[in-house]
Structure formats: structure tokens, C-alpha cells
Amino acid sequence: MRTFAESKKTAGDWDKADIKYALEKKGWNLRQLAKQCGYSNSSALRKAFDAPYPKVERIIADAIGVAPEVIWPSRYAKRNFTPVLSPSSPICAARPEKVRAVAMG
């Protein structure tokens, strides 16, 4: 039997309806979840549907039982991006003592 998370393995972000459905399958609605987490109403949780809100994204994802990166892959692809710098880049070359200190532990 496939779980909801397994069936939702697309590259795009989940739709609002998909998130609400996944919450309902776990026995939650936005109002209940908001109250459980100390919010006076569900408006803070609803904001995560339209804009990045890491704290609330984690709350929703934990309630569903998946990582936030699964629900909002486009948001986390941007957040987890680490540019690769060459050792000769001005940023790396300017602070060799700091790099050595980090490498030494």
C-alpha cells in the first residue's frame, strides 16, 4: 500500500488542497494544529501556503509526517544552495588563517 507522501513525488510544490488533505488524513485541520502549537488562529499556518515561513512549514510537515523539503521543494532548493568557491577566489584568498583554523578544528 502506498502512502500519501510516496504518491506525491513530483518536482513541484504540493498544492494547498494536497496539504490540507494530508493533514486531514493524519487527523488534523489547520485550526486544531494552530491551537496545538500556540497560535490563536490558523492564519499564521495559512501564510505558509503562499510564502516561505520556515517555522510553520516545519510544523505542518511534522504533522503530516514528511520533511518540509518534500512539501515545498522549490523553497528548500533555494535555501540549501551553497555556492562553490574556488580556492583562488577573492573571498577564500582574503582569509586563509580563518580557513586553517576551521580545518584544524
PDB file of N, CA and C in Angstrom:
ATOM      1  N   MET A   1       0.835  -1.175   0.000  1.00  0.00           N
ATOM      2  CA  MET A   1       0.000   0.000   0.000  1.00  0.00           C
ATOM      3  C   MET A   1       0.885   1.246   0.000  1.00  0.00           C
ATOM      4  N   ARG A   2       0.630   2.160  -0.895  1.00  0.00           N
ATOM      5  CA  ARG A   2       1.405   3.394  -0.983  1.00  0.00           C
ATOM      6  C   ARG A   2       0.854   4.434  -0.016  1.00  0.00           C
ATOM      7  N   THR A   3       1.745   5.187   0.605  1.00  0.00           N
ATOM      8  CA  THR A   3       1.298   6.265   1.477  1.00  0.00           C
ATOM      9  C   THR A   3       1.107   7.520   0.646  1.00  0.00           C
ATOM     10  N   PHE A   4       0.489   8.513   1.249  1.00  0.00           N
ATOM     11  CA  PHE A   4       0.243   9.760   0.540  1.00  0.00           C
ATOM     12  C   PHE A   4       1.557  10.408   0.120  1.00  0.00           C
ATOM     13  N   ALA A   5       2.561  10.388   0.994  1.00  0.00           N
ATOM     14  CA  ALA A   5       3.850  11.006   0.682  1.00  0.00           C
ATOM     15  C   ALA A   5       4.527  10.312  -0.492  1.00  0.00           C
ATOM     16  N   GLU A   6       4.394   8.996  -0.577  1.00  0.00           N
ATOM     17  CA  GLU A   6       5.006   8.264  -1.686  1.00  0.00           C
ATOM     18  C   GLU A   6       4.324   8.588  -3.005  1.00  0.00           C
ATOM     19  N   SER A   7       3.021   8.817  -2.967  1.00  0.00           N
ATOM     20  CA  SER A   7       2.299   9.095  -4.204  1.00  0.00           C
ATOM     21  C   SER A   7       2.520  10.530  -4.664  1.00  0.00           C
ATOM     22  N   LYS A   8       3.090  11.374  -3.811  1.00  0.00           N
ATOM     23  CA  LYS A   8       3.275  12.781  -4.126  1.00  0.00           C
ATOM     24  C   LYS A   8       4.744  13.088  -4.355  1.00  0.00           C
ATOM     25  N   LYS A   9       5.386  12.366  -5.259  1.00  0.00           N
ATOM     26  CA  LYS A   9       6.808  12.556  -5.510  1.00  0.00           C
ATOM     27  C   LYS A   9       7.047  13.349  -6.788  1.00  0.00           C
ATOM     28  N   THR A  10       6.418  14.502  -6.896  1.00  0.00           N
ATOM     29  CA  THR A  10       6.638  15.342  -8.059  1.00  0.00           C
ATOM     30  C   THR A  10       7.688  16.384  -7.717  1.00  0.00           C
ATOM     31  N   ALA A  11       8.212  17.026  -8.738  1.00  0.00           N
ATOM     32  CA  ALA A  11       9.251  18.017  -8.523  1.00  0.00           C
ATOM     33  C   ALA A  11       8.690  19.331  -7.993  1.00  0.00           C
ATOM     34  N   GLY A  12       7.388  19.552  -8.163  1.00  0.00           N
ATOM     35  CA  GLY A  12       6.803  20.817  -7.746  1.00  0.00           C
ATOM     36  C   GLY A  12       6.300  20.810  -6.320  1.00  0.00           C
ATOM     37  N   ASP A  13       6.001  22.004  -5.841  1.00  0.00           N
ATOM     38  CA  ASP A  13       5.434  22.144  -4.507  1.00  0.00           C
ATOM     39  C   ASP A  13       4.035  21.550  -4.458  1.00  0.00           C
ATOM     40  N   TRP A  14       3.667  21.054  -3.291  1.00  0.00           N
ATOM     41  CA  TRP A  14       2.330  20.499  -3.120  1.00  0.00           C
ATOM     42  C   TRP A  14       1.298  21.614  -3.228  1.00  0.00           C
ATOM     43  N   ASP A  15       0.146  21.273  -3.717  1.00  0.00           N
ATOM     44  CA  ASP A  15      -0.980  22.186  -3.803  1.00  0.00           C
ATOM     45  C   ASP A  15      -1.581  22.369  -2.408  1.00  0.00           C
ATOM     46  N   LYS A  16      -2.239  23.505  -2.165  1.00  0.00           N
ATOM     47  CA  LYS A  16      -2.889  23.749  -0.869  1.00  0.00           C
ATOM     48  C   LYS A  16      -3.842  22.620  -0.507  1.00  0.00           C
ATOM     49  N   ALA A  17      -4.613  22.192  -1.484  1.00  0.00           N
ATOM     50  CA  ALA A  17      -5.588  21.127  -1.232  1.00  0.00           C
ATOM     51  C   ALA A  17      -4.891  19.826  -0.843  1.00  0.00           C
ATOM     52  N   ASP A  18      -3.756  19.538  -1.453  1.00  0.00           N
ATOM     53  CA  ASP A  18      -2.998  18.329  -1.109  1.00  0.00           C
ATOM     54  C   ASP A  18      -2.487  18.385   0.332  1.00  0.00           C
ATOM     55  N   ILE A  19      -2.026  19.559   0.742  1.00  0.00           N
ATOM     56  CA  ILE A  19      -1.523  19.718   2.108  1.00  0.00           C
ATOM     57  C   ILE A  19      -2.664  19.554   3.106  1.00  0.00           C
ATOM     58  N   LYS A  20      -3.791  20.201   2.825  1.00  0.00           N
ATOM     59  CA  LYS A  20      -4.947  20.088   3.722  1.00  0.00           C
ATOM     60  C   LYS A  20      -5.436  18.646   3.796  1.00  0.00           C
ATOM     61  N   TYR A  21      -5.446  17.965   2.666  1.00  0.00           N
ATOM     62  CA  TYR A  21      -5.883  16.566   2.639  1.00  0.00           C
ATOM     63  C   TYR A  21      -4.938  15.686   3.456  1.00  0.00           C
ATOM     64  N   ALA A  22      -3.635  15.914   3.305  1.00  0.00           N
ATOM     65  CA  ALA A  22      -2.655  15.129   4.064  1.00  0.00           C
ATOM     66  C   ALA A  22      -2.815  15.374   5.562  1.00  0.00           C
ATOM     67  N   LEU A  23      -3.083  16.615   5.947  1.00  0.00           N
ATOM     68  CA  LEU A  23      -3.328  16.920   7.358  1.00  0.00           C
ATOM     69  C   LEU A  23      -4.576  16.197   7.860  1.00  0.00           C
ATOM     70  N   GLU A  24      -5.639  16.229   7.063  1.00  0.00           N
ATOM     71  CA  GLU A  24      -6.888  15.559   7.450  1.00  0.00           C
ATOM     72  C   GLU A  24      -6.682  14.058   7.607  1.00  0.00           C
ATOM     73  N   LYS A  25      -5.882  13.466   6.729  1.00  0.00           N
ATOM     74  CA  LYS A  25      -5.611  12.025   6.836  1.00  0.00           C
ATOM     75  C   LYS A  25      -4.878  11.689   8.132  1.00  0.00           C
ATOM     76  N   LYS A  26      -4.130  12.648   8.661  1.00  0.00           N
ATOM     77  CA  LYS A  26      -3.416  12.446   9.925  1.00  0.00           C
ATOM     78  C   LYS A  26      -4.247  12.901  11.127  1.00  0.00           C
ATOM     79  N   GLY A  27      -5.486  13.348  10.872  1.00  0.00           N
ATOM     80  CA  GLY A  27      -6.378  13.744  11.960  1.00  0.00           C
ATOM     81  C   GLY A  27      -6.276  15.200  12.384  1.00  0.00           C
ATOM     82  N   TRP A  28      -5.725  16.037  11.539  1.00  0.00           N
ATOM     83  CA  TRP A  28      -5.563  17.452  11.848  1.00  0.00           C
ATOM     84  C   TRP A  28      -6.335  18.318  10.870  1.00  0.00           C
ATOM     85  N   ASN A  29      -6.701  19.512  11.325  1.00  0.00           N
ATOM     86  CA  ASN A  29      -7.066  20.589  10.413  1.00  0.00           C
ATOM     87  C   ASN A  29      -6.214  21.781  10.828  1.00  0.00           C
ATOM     88  N   LEU A  30      -6.205  22.835  10.043  1.00  0.00           N
ATOM     89  CA  LEU A  30      -5.307  23.955  10.325  1.00  0.00           C
ATOM     90  C   LEU A  30      -5.607  24.616  11.667  1.00  0.00           C
ATOM     91  N   ARG A  31      -6.874  24.735  12.008  1.00  0.00           N
ATOM     92  CA  ARG A  31      -7.239  25.382  13.268  1.00  0.00           C
ATOM     93  C   ARG A  31      -6.746  24.574  14.468  1.00  0.00           C
ATOM     94  N   GLN A  32      -6.961  23.263  14.433  1.00  0.00           N
ATOM     95  CA  GLN A  32      -6.502  22.405  15.532  1.00  0.00           C
ATOM     96  C   GLN A  32      -4.981  22.461  15.672  1.00  0.00           C
ATOM     97  N   LEU A  33      -4.303  22.380  14.554  1.00  0.00           N
ATOM     98  CA  LEU A  33      -2.843  22.393  14.567  1.00  0.00           C
ATOM     99  C   LEU A  33      -2.316  23.730  15.095  1.00  0.00           C
ATOM    100  N   ALA A  34      -2.948  24.821  14.686  1.00  0.00           N
ATOM    101  CA  ALA A  34      -2.540  26.144  15.158  1.00  0.00           C
ATOM    102  C   ALA A  34      -2.693  26.245  16.672  1.00  0.00           C
ATOM    103  N   LYS A  35      -3.826  25.816  17.179  1.00  0.00           N
ATOM    104  CA  LYS A  35      -4.059  25.875  18.629  1.00  0.00           C
ATOM    105  C   LYS A  35      -3.074  24.983  19.377  1.00  0.00           C
ATOM    106  N   GLN A  36      -2.809  23.806  18.850  1.00  0.00           N
ATOM    107  CA  GLN A  36      -1.866  22.877  19.478  1.00  0.00           C
ATOM    108  C   GLN A  36      -0.466  23.491  19.573  1.00  0.00           C
ATOM    109  N   CYS A  37      -0.118  24.318  18.598  1.00  0.00           N
ATOM    110  CA  CYS A  37       1.222  24.906  18.547  1.00  0.00           C
ATOM    111  C   CYS A  37       1.284  26.306  19.155  1.00  0.00           C
ATOM    112  N   GLY A  38       0.191  26.744  19.781  1.00  0.00           N
ATOM    113  CA  GLY A  38       0.204  28.016  20.493  1.00  0.00           C
ATOM    114  C   GLY A  38      -0.215  29.232  19.699  1.00  0.00           C
ATOM    115  N   TYR A  39      -0.749  29.041  18.517  1.00  0.00           N
ATOM    116  CA  TYR A  39      -1.249  30.166  17.729  1.00  0.00           C
ATOM    117  C   TYR A  39      -2.723  30.373  18.055  1.00  0.00           C
ATOM    118  N   SER A  40      -3.170  31.631  18.070  1.00  0.00           N
ATOM    119  CA  SER A  40      -4.562  31.907  18.422  1.00  0.00           C
ATOM    120  C   SER A  40      -5.529  31.527  17.304  1.00  0.00           C
ATOM    121  N   ASN A  41      -5.060  31.559  16.061  1.00  0.00           N
ATOM    122  CA  ASN A  41      -5.899  31.118  14.938  1.00  0.00           C
ATOM    123  C   ASN A  41      -5.010  30.541  13.845  1.00  0.00           C
ATOM    124  N   SER A  42      -5.632  30.092  12.781  1.00  0.00           N
ATOM    125  CA  SER A  42      -4.885  29.372  11.745  1.00  0.00           C
ATOM    126  C   SER A  42      -4.272  30.274  10.679  1.00  0.00           C
ATOM    127  N   SER A  43      -4.405  31.587  10.814  1.00  0.00           N
ATOM    128  CA  SER A  43      -3.901  32.469   9.753  1.00  0.00           C
ATOM    129  C   SER A  43      -2.386  32.353   9.577  1.00  0.00           C
ATOM    130  N   ALA A  44      -1.653  32.171  10.657  1.00  0.00           N
ATOM    131  CA  ALA A  44      -0.190  32.023  10.538  1.00  0.00           C
ATOM    132  C   ALA A  44       0.159  30.770   9.748  1.00  0.00           C
ATOM    133  N   LEU A  45      -0.579  29.689   9.984  1.00  0.00           N
ATOM    134  CA  LEU A  45      -0.312  28.452   9.257  1.00  0.00           C
ATOM    135  C   LEU A  45      -0.675  28.596   7.787  1.00  0.00           C
ATOM    136  N   ARG A  46      -1.753  29.316   7.505  1.00  0.00           N
ATOM    137  CA  ARG A  46      -2.171  29.510   6.115  1.00  0.00           C
ATOM    138  C   ARG A  46      -1.162  30.335   5.324  1.00  0.00           C
ATOM    139  N   LYS A  47      -0.420  31.198   6.007  1.00  0.00           N
ATOM    140  CA  LYS A  47       0.578  32.024   5.317  1.00  0.00           C
ATOM    141  C   LYS A  47       1.651  31.169   4.649  1.00  0.00           C
ATOM    142  N   ALA A  48       1.937  30.019   5.220  1.00  0.00           N
ATOM    143  CA  ALA A  48       2.967  29.140   4.654  1.00  0.00           C
ATOM    144  C   ALA A  48       2.554  28.569   3.302  1.00  0.00           C
ATOM    145  N   PHE A  49       1.269  28.577   3.000  1.00  0.00           N
ATOM    146  CA  PHE A  49       0.822  28.092   1.696  1.00  0.00           C
ATOM    147  C   PHE A  49       1.296  29.005   0.570  1.00  0.00           C
ATOM    148  N   ASP A  50       1.398  30.298   0.861  1.00  0.00           N
ATOM    149  CA  ASP A  50       1.689  31.267  -0.188  1.00  0.00           C
ATOM    150  C   ASP A  50       3.087  31.872  -0.142  1.00  0.00           C
ATOM    151  N   ALA A  51       3.722  31.826   1.017  1.00  0.00           N
ATOM    152  CA  ALA A  51       5.038  32.451   1.148  1.00  0.00           C
ATOM    153  C   ALA A  51       5.919  31.621   2.080  1.00  0.00           C
ATOM    154  N   PRO A  52       7.223  31.712   1.919  1.00  0.00           N
ATOM    155  CA  PRO A  52       8.119  30.972   2.805  1.00  0.00           C
ATOM    156  C   PRO A  52       7.940  31.392   4.266  1.00  0.00           C
ATOM    157  N   TYR A  53       7.838  30.409   5.133  1.00  0.00           N
ATOM    158  CA  TYR A  53       7.663  30.625   6.569  1.00  0.00           C
ATOM    159  C   TYR A  53       8.211  29.369   7.245  1.00  0.00           C
ATOM    160  N   PRO A  54       9.543  29.266   7.383  1.00  0.00           N
ATOM    161  CA  PRO A  54      10.188  28.018   7.816  1.00  0.00           C
ATOM    162  C   PRO A  54       9.632  27.401   9.094  1.00  0.00           C
ATOM    163  N   LYS A  55       9.346  28.216  10.102  1.00  0.00           N
ATOM    164  CA  LYS A  55       8.846  27.665  11.366  1.00  0.00           C
ATOM    165  C   LYS A  55       7.518  26.947  11.155  1.00  0.00           C
ATOM    166  N   VAL A  56       6.616  27.577  10.427  1.00  0.00           N
ATOM    167  CA  VAL A  56       5.296  26.992  10.185  1.00  0.00           C
ATOM    168  C   VAL A  56       5.391  25.842   9.193  1.00  0.00           C
ATOM    169  N   GLU A  57       6.275  25.938   8.226  1.00  0.00           N
ATOM    170  CA  GLU A  57       6.473  24.830   7.289  1.00  0.00           C
ATOM    171  C   GLU A  57       6.872  23.569   8.049  1.00  0.00           C
ATOM    172  N   ARG A  58       7.748  23.716   9.047  1.00  0.00           N
ATOM    173  CA  ARG A  58       8.181  22.578   9.860  1.00  0.00           C
ATOM    174  C   ARG A  58       7.011  22.014  10.662  1.00  0.00           C
ATOM    175  N   ILE A  59       6.166  22.874  11.220  1.00  0.00           N
ATOM    176  CA  ILE A  59       5.001  22.421  11.996  1.00  0.00           C
ATOM    177  C   ILE A  59       4.074  21.593  11.116  1.00  0.00           C
ATOM    178  N   ILE A  60       3.770  22.110   9.933  1.00  0.00           N
ATOM    179  CA  ILE A  60       2.869  21.409   9.015  1.00  0.00           C
ATOM    180  C   ILE A  60       3.486  20.085   8.572  1.00  0.00           C
ATOM    181  N   ALA A  61       4.746  20.123   8.202  1.00  0.00           N
ATOM    182  CA  ALA A  61       5.419  18.905   7.732  1.00  0.00           C
ATOM    183  C   ALA A  61       5.476  17.848   8.828  1.00  0.00           C
ATOM    184  N   ASP A  62       5.770  18.258  10.058  1.00  0.00           N
ATOM    185  CA  ASP A  62       5.814  17.302  11.167  1.00  0.00           C
ATOM    186  C   ASP A  62       4.451  16.666  11.400  1.00  0.00           C
ATOM    187  N   ALA A  63       3.392  17.459  11.274  1.00  0.00           N
ATOM    188  CA  ALA A  63       2.040  16.921  11.460  1.00  0.00           C
ATOM    189  C   ALA A  63       1.698  15.899  10.378  1.00  0.00           C
ATOM    190  N   ILE A  64       2.177  16.140   9.168  1.00  0.00           N
ATOM    191  CA  ILE A  64       1.918  15.214   8.060  1.00  0.00           C
ATOM    192  C   ILE A  64       2.838  13.999   8.149  1.00  0.00           C
ATOM    193  N   GLY A  65       4.044  14.212   8.659  1.00  0.00           N
ATOM    194  CA  GLY A  65       4.992  13.106   8.782  1.00  0.00           C
ATOM    195  C   GLY A  65       6.014  13.047   7.666  1.00  0.00           C
ATOM    196  N   VAL A  66       6.268  14.183   7.036  1.00  0.00           N
ATOM    197  CA  VAL A  66       7.292  14.264   5.985  1.00  0.00           C
ATOM    198  C   VAL A  66       8.178  15.478   6.272  1.00  0.00           C
ATOM    199  N   ALA A  67       9.265  15.584   5.557  1.00  0.00           N
ATOM    200  CA  ALA A  67      10.146  16.745   5.697  1.00  0.00           C
ATOM    201  C   ALA A  67       9.557  17.929   4.932  1.00  0.00           C
ATOM    202  N   PRO A  68       9.796  19.150   5.391  1.00  0.00           N
ATOM    203  CA  PRO A  68       9.300  20.317   4.655  1.00  0.00           C
ATOM    204  C   PRO A  68       9.808  20.361   3.218  1.00  0.00           C
ATOM    205  N   GLU A  69      11.002  19.809   2.992  1.00  0.00           N
ATOM    206  CA  GLU A  69      11.573  19.793   1.647  1.00  0.00           C
ATOM    207  C   GLU A  69      10.735  18.976   0.676  1.00  0.00           C
ATOM    208  N   VAL A  70       9.971  18.034   1.203  1.00  0.00           N
ATOM    209  CA  VAL A  70       9.106  17.207   0.358  1.00  0.00           C
ATOM    210  C   VAL A  70       7.891  18.015  -0.083  1.00  0.00           C
ATOM    211  N   ILE A  71       7.355  18.826   0.811  1.00  0.00           N
ATOM    212  CA  ILE A  71       6.154  19.605   0.507  1.00  0.00           C
ATOM    213  C   ILE A  71       6.485  20.830  -0.339  1.00  0.00           C
ATOM    214  N   TRP A  72       7.581  21.510  -0.011  1.00  0.00           N
ATOM    215  CA  TRP A  72       7.973  22.733  -0.717  1.00  0.00           C
ATOM    216  C   TRP A  72       9.387  22.606  -1.273  1.00  0.00           C
ATOM    217  N   PRO A  73       9.613  21.734  -2.239  1.00  0.00           N
ATOM    218  CA  PRO A  73      10.985  21.549  -2.742  1.00  0.00           C
ATOM    219  C   PRO A  73      11.590  22.807  -3.361  1.00  0.00           C
ATOM    220  N   SER A  74      10.782  23.635  -3.994  1.00  0.00           N
ATOM    221  CA  SER A  74      11.347  24.832  -4.621  1.00  0.00           C
ATOM    222  C   SER A  74      11.883  25.808  -3.580  1.00  0.00           C
ATOM    223  N   ARG A  75      11.232  25.904  -2.441  1.00  0.00           N
ATOM    224  CA  ARG A  75      11.704  26.807  -1.387  1.00  0.00           C
ATOM    225  C   ARG A  75      13.011  26.318  -0.787  1.00  0.00           C
ATOM    226  N   TYR A  76      13.108  25.022  -0.568  1.00  0.00           N
ATOM    227  CA  TYR A  76      14.300  24.488   0.076  1.00  0.00           C
ATOM    228  C   TYR A  76      15.464  24.361  -0.891  1.00  0.00           C
ATOM    229  N   ALA A  77      15.192  24.247  -2.173  1.00  0.00           N
ATOM    230  CA  ALA A  77      16.283  24.236  -3.151  1.00  0.00           C
ATOM    231  C   ALA A  77      17.002  25.577  -3.109  1.00  0.00           C
ATOM    232  N   LYS A  78      16.240  26.653  -2.932  1.00  0.00           N
ATOM    233  CA  LYS A  78      16.832  27.990  -2.850  1.00  0.00           C
ATOM    234  C   LYS A  78      17.565  28.181  -1.526  1.00  0.00           C
ATOM    235  N   ARG A  79      16.991  27.688  -0.435  1.00  0.00           N
ATOM    236  CA  ARG A  79      17.596  27.872   0.888  1.00  0.00           C
ATOM    237  C   ARG A  79      18.859  27.051   1.069  1.00  0.00           C
ATOM    238  N   ASN A  80      18.885  25.869   0.497  1.00  0.00           N
ATOM    239  CA  ASN A  80      20.013  24.968   0.706  1.00  0.00           C
ATOM    240  C   ASN A  80      21.118  25.137  -0.320  1.00  0.00           C
ATOM    241  N   PHE A  81      21.017  26.136  -1.175  1.00  0.00           N
ATOM    242  CA  PHE A  81      22.020  26.358  -2.203  1.00  0.00           C
ATOM    243  C   PHE A  81      23.298  26.888  -1.566  1.00  0.00           C
ATOM    244  N   THR A  82      24.387  26.219  -1.808  1.00  0.00           N
ATOM    245  CA  THR A  82      25.692  26.665  -1.332  1.00  0.00           C
ATOM    246  C   THR A  82      26.586  26.863  -2.546  1.00  0.00           C
ATOM    247  N   PRO A  83      26.969  28.103  -2.811  1.00  0.00           N
ATOM    248  CA  PRO A  83      27.826  28.317  -3.971  1.00  0.00           C
ATOM    249  C   PRO A  83      29.192  27.671  -3.760  1.00  0.00           C
ATOM    250  N   VAL A  84      29.734  27.166  -4.826  1.00  0.00           N
ATOM    251  CA  VAL A  84      31.048  26.532  -4.769  1.00  0.00           C
ATOM    252  C   VAL A  84      32.080  27.588  -5.140  1.00  0.00           C
ATOM    253  N   LEU A  85      32.998  27.826  -4.224  1.00  0.00           N
ATOM    254  CA  LEU A  85      34.041  28.821  -4.454  1.00  0.00           C
ATOM    255  C   LEU A  85      35.356  28.118  -4.727  1.00  0.00           C
ATOM    256  N   SER A  86      36.077  28.646  -5.671  1.00  0.00           N
ATOM    257  CA  SER A  86      37.399  28.077  -5.927  1.00  0.00           C
ATOM    258  C   SER A  86      38.359  28.610  -4.865  1.00  0.00           C
ATOM    259  N   PRO A  87      39.396  27.851  -4.539  1.00  0.00           N
ATOM    260  CA  PRO A  87      40.358  28.303  -3.530  1.00  0.00           C
ATOM    261  C   PRO A  87      41.030  29.624  -3.887  1.00  0.00           C
ATOM    262  N   SER A  88      41.066  29.952  -5.166  1.00  0.00           N
ATOM    263  CA  SER A  88      41.711  31.202  -5.567  1.00  0.00           C
ATOM    264  C   SER A  88      40.741  32.381  -5.610  1.00  0.00           C
ATOM    265  N   SER A  89      39.499  32.157  -5.229  1.00  0.00           N
ATOM    266  CA  SER A  89      38.534  33.253  -5.244  1.00  0.00           C
ATOM    267  C   SER A  89      38.935  34.304  -4.211  1.00  0.00           C
ATOM    268  N   PRO A  90      38.618  35.567  -4.456  1.00  0.00           N
ATOM    269  CA  PRO A  90      38.995  36.629  -3.513  1.00  0.00           C
ATOM    270  C   PRO A  90      38.437  36.400  -2.107  1.00  0.00           C
ATOM    271  N   ILE A  91      37.304  35.787  -2.008  1.00  0.00           N
ATOM    272  CA  ILE A  91      36.710  35.543  -0.694  1.00  0.00           C
ATOM    273  C   ILE A  91      37.549  34.542   0.084  1.00  0.00           C
ATOM    274  N   CYS A  92      37.965  33.475  -0.567  1.00  0.00           N
ATOM    275  CA  CYS A  92      38.779  32.456   0.106  1.00  0.00           C
ATOM    276  C   CYS A  92      40.199  32.947   0.340  1.00  0.00           C
ATOM    277  N   ALA A  93      40.753  33.650  -0.611  1.00  0.00           N
ATOM    278  CA  ALA A  93      42.136  34.096  -0.510  1.00  0.00           C
ATOM    279  C   ALA A  93      42.312  35.168   0.559  1.00  0.00           C
ATOM    280  N   ALA A  94      41.272  35.911   0.864  1.00  0.00           N
ATOM    281  CA  ALA A  94      41.382  37.008   1.819  1.00  0.00           C
ATOM    282  C   ALA A  94      41.528  36.532   3.251  1.00  0.00           C
ATOM    283  N   ARG A  95      41.076  35.346   3.573  1.00  0.00           N
ATOM    284  CA  ARG A  95      41.092  34.878   4.955  1.00  0.00           C
ATOM    285  C   ARG A  95      41.675  33.475   5.094  1.00  0.00           C
ATOM    286  N   PRO A  96      42.894  33.246   4.692  1.00  0.00           N
ATOM    287  CA  PRO A  96      43.457  31.895   4.804  1.00  0.00           C
ATOM    288  C   PRO A  96      43.608  31.447   6.252  1.00  0.00           C
ATOM    289  N   GLU A  97      43.857  32.382   7.194  1.00  0.00           N
ATOM    290  CA  GLU A  97      44.020  31.994   8.594  1.00  0.00           C
ATOM    291  C   GLU A  97      42.719  31.443   9.167  1.00  0.00           C
ATOM    292  N   LYS A  98      41.593  32.003   8.743  1.00  0.00           N
ATOM    293  CA  LYS A  98      40.300  31.515   9.224  1.00  0.00           C
ATOM    294  C   LYS A  98      40.023  30.122   8.662  1.00  0.00           C
ATOM    295  N   VAL A  99      40.364  29.897   7.405  1.00  0.00           N
ATOM    296  CA  VAL A  99      40.167  28.589   6.789  1.00  0.00           C
ATOM    297  C   VAL A  99      41.026  27.555   7.505  1.00  0.00           C
ATOM    298  N   ARG A 100      42.272  27.897   7.807  1.00  0.00           N
ATOM    299  CA  ARG A 100      43.152  26.971   8.515  1.00  0.00           C
ATOM    300  C   ARG A 100      42.615  26.667   9.907  1.00  0.00           C
ATOM    301  N   ALA A 101      42.092  27.671  10.594  1.00  0.00           N
ATOM    302  CA  ALA A 101      41.564  27.476  11.942  1.00  0.00           C
ATOM    303  C   ALA A 101      40.364  26.544  11.929  1.00  0.00           C
ATOM    304  N   VAL A 102      39.510  26.687  10.941  1.00  0.00           N
ATOM    305  CA  VAL A 102      38.345  25.814  10.817  1.00  0.00           C
ATOM    306  C   VAL A 102      38.786  24.402  10.481  1.00  0.00           C
ATOM    307  N   ALA A 103      39.754  24.264   9.598  1.00  0.00           N
ATOM    308  CA  ALA A 103      40.237  22.944   9.198  1.00  0.00           C
ATOM    309  C   ALA A 103      40.925  22.226  10.359  1.00  0.00           C
ATOM    310  N   MET A 104      41.596  22.967  11.214  1.00  0.00           N
ATOM    311  CA  MET A 104      42.290  22.372  12.357  1.00  0.00           C
ATOM    312  C   MET A 104      41.317  21.928  13.437  1.00  0.00           C
ATOM    313  N   GLY A 105      40.126  22.525  13.447  1.00  0.00           N
ATOM    314  CA  GLY A 105      39.110  22.120  14.413  1.00  0.00           C
ATOM    315  C   GLY A 105      39.189  22.931  15.601  1.00  0.00           C
TER     316      GLY A 105
END
